[in-house]
Amino acid sequence: MAEEQKKVRFVIERQDGPNDKPYTQEFDVDYRPGLNVVAALMEIQKHPVTVDGKRVAPVTWECNCLEKVCGACMMVINGKARQACCSLVDKLDQPIHLAPARTFPVIRDLLIDRSVMFESLKRIQGWVEIDGTWEVKDAPIQNPYTAQTAYEISHCMTCGCCLEACPNVGPQSDFIGPAPTVQAYLFNLHPLGKFDAPKRLNALMGKGGITSCGNSQNCVEVCPKNIKLTTYLAQLNRDVNKQALRNIFNH
């Protein structure tokens, strides 16, 4: 007698549109070693039938690289913001609960709109004002210790895990969140970006800026790239305070 195929139960929070009420549906997926949440969602997409035999619309979610590089597949898995592509079924309590990151507007099911993060990057001028190239001998030189810090921060995928986990991000606050804020520190470290540092620091003095961070450390716990976000937020806070003093004396 053939051994019965092991199943994995998924409880998925669904929403038909931005203004519709959420509801849950349950699905079973055949277990296999190395199965991750994205692969399971692909199986549900191919065969969208609930555990009670009802055929439904395929679950909508977003993914791209499948290698924990793009950040697109961020969702709340068993109550924690994670990347679905690297969330292995074997390491998750079952049944596995999937929900959208409701810090962001929900478009449909697990698909969210993270435009607010990119608007925040505009606010802190998350770029270097330069157009051109140099010969190697004339290129701006960066301190190797500074470069090491910049390299760590540059791993940020703008996935939104830190915003979902942060208790100060949401309708109760205008805080733009850890990731966009720390990007200001990244570009202030750049040999050319540092010339626009006052603009970034002044932008973070306003409502929803650096002072809205409560230092809860939640962002550090969920960051899939293990970026020391609160360490850099603390340094950035000192820089903002110094800039505030400069503003006073300059006036």
Foldseek 3Di string as FASTA:
>chain_A
DDDDFDKAKEWFWWAAFLPGDIDIFIAIDGDDPPDFQVNRLVVCQVFVATPVGRRDHRADADDDDLPLQQLRRWWQKPNATARRSPHGPVPDDPPIYTAALVLFRAGIGNYGDLVLLVVLLVLLVLDFPDDDDDDPVPDDDADPVLVVLLVLLVSDNSNCRQLSQAPLRHPVALASGQNSQLSLVSLCRDPRSVVCNLSNLVSQVDGNHLVSHPPPCRSCVHRPSNRPRVVSSVVSVVVSVVSVVVVVVVD
